[in-house]
Amino acid sequence: MAAPKKKPAPNTKAPKGSYALPGGGPGGADAYPLNSKGRAVSALARVKTNGTPAEQAKVRAAVKKAYPGLPSSKGKGGSAAARATKKSK
């Protein structure tokens, strides 16, 4: 007899108040969740690609407030490659 199939885990939505731009997404949806470091890094990358300069500043500030030790929240190229480039100059 085959083992019963497991149901996939439901998608998890970030709790209210953990978004960089609440109500700032398409159709008034919350945008850029920050409830984990991974999502904060993703928010920085997505806003850099898709956001206005004002949105980028707001998201960067929200990430810096939530995760002050995160290098990329400073807006100065926090990747390992960027740090290595800066050191060699």
Protein backbone atom coordinates (compact mmCIF):
# COMPACT_ATOMS: atom_id res chain seq x y z
CA MET A 1 0.00 0.00 0.00
CA ALA A 2 1.36 3.41 -0.96
CA ALA A 3 1.91 6.05 1.67
CA PRO A 4 -0.64 8.86 1.61
CA LYS A 5 0.52 12.00 -0.16
CA LYS A 6 1.28 14.96 2.03
CA LYS A 7 -0.48 18.21 1.32
CA PRO A 8 1.84 21.08 0.39
CA ALA A 9 2.34 23.73 3.05
CA PRO A 10 0.21 26.81 2.46
CA ASN A 11 1.95 29.96 1.31
CA THR A 12 2.74 32.10 4.30
CA LYS A 13 1.80 35.72 4.24
CA ALA A 14 3.77 38.16 6.33
CA PRO A 15 1.87 39.51 9.34
CA LYS A 16 0.35 42.98 9.27
CA GLY A 17 2.86 45.67 10.10
CA SER A 18 5.84 43.83 8.64
CA TYR A 19 5.83 45.51 5.24
CA ALA A 20 8.12 48.32 4.10
CA LEU A 21 5.31 49.95 2.10
CA PRO A 22 1.93 49.04 3.63
CA GLY A 23 -0.72 49.66 1.01
CA GLY A 24 1.95 50.74 -1.49
CA GLY A 25 1.64 47.84 -3.89
CA PRO A 26 -0.58 47.33 -6.93
CA GLY A 27 -4.22 47.82 -6.06
CA GLY A 28 -3.35 49.01 -2.56
CA ALA A 29 -1.78 45.71 -1.53
CA ASP A 30 1.03 45.67 1.02
CA ALA A 31 4.45 45.69 -0.63
CA TYR A 32 7.93 44.43 0.30
CA PRO A 33 7.55 42.11 3.32
CA LEU A 34 10.28 42.35 5.96
CA ASN A 35 9.38 39.55 8.38
CA SER A 36 12.70 37.74 7.80
CA LYS A 37 16.23 38.66 6.71
CA GLY A 38 15.72 36.80 3.45
CA ARG A 39 12.60 38.75 2.63
CA ALA A 40 14.32 42.01 3.61
CA VAL A 41 17.18 41.29 1.20
CA SER A 42 14.63 40.40 -1.47
CA ALA A 43 12.73 43.63 -0.82
CA LEU A 44 15.90 45.67 -1.33
CA ALA A 45 16.62 43.91 -4.61
CA ARG A 46 13.06 44.20 -5.90
CA VAL A 47 12.66 47.87 -5.01
CA LYS A 48 16.00 48.66 -6.65
CA THR A 49 14.71 47.11 -9.87
CA ASN A 50 11.08 48.24 -9.77
CA GLY A 51 10.73 51.11 -7.32
CA THR A 52 10.91 54.86 -7.60
CA PRO A 53 13.76 56.67 -5.82
CA ALA A 54 11.32 57.63 -3.04
CA GLU A 55 10.20 54.01 -2.61
CA GLN A 56 13.82 52.86 -2.60
CA ALA A 57 14.63 55.29 0.23
CA LYS A 58 11.59 54.17 2.26
CA VAL A 59 12.36 50.48 1.84
CA ARG A 60 16.05 50.98 2.65
CA ALA A 61 15.08 52.91 5.81
CA ALA A 62 12.59 50.22 6.86
CA VAL A 63 15.14 47.44 6.32
CA LYS A 64 17.80 49.38 8.21
CA LYS A 65 15.38 49.85 11.12
CA ALA A 66 14.37 46.17 11.17
CA TYR A 67 17.84 44.69 10.49
CA PRO A 68 20.53 47.29 11.30
CA GLY A 69 23.36 44.81 10.84
CA LEU A 70 22.37 43.90 7.29
CA PRO A 71 25.12 45.41 5.09
CA SER A 72 22.92 46.00 2.06
CA SER A 73 20.48 48.12 4.11
CA LYS A 74 23.01 50.94 4.05
CA GLY A 75 22.56 51.46 0.31
CA LYS A 76 26.29 51.19 -0.29
CA GLY A 77 26.56 47.84 -2.07
CA GLY A 78 26.66 45.30 0.72
CA SER A 79 27.45 42.26 -1.39
CA ALA A 80 30.74 40.45 -0.88
CA ALA A 81 31.82 41.43 -4.39
CA ALA A 82 31.09 45.12 -3.74
CA ARG A 83 33.02 45.04 -0.44
CA ALA A 84 36.01 43.38 -2.11
CA THR A 85 35.98 45.98 -4.87
CA LYS A 86 35.92 48.84 -2.36
CA LYS A 87 38.82 47.36 -0.36
CA SER A 88 41.01 47.00 -3.45
CA LYS A 89 40.61 50.66 -4.46
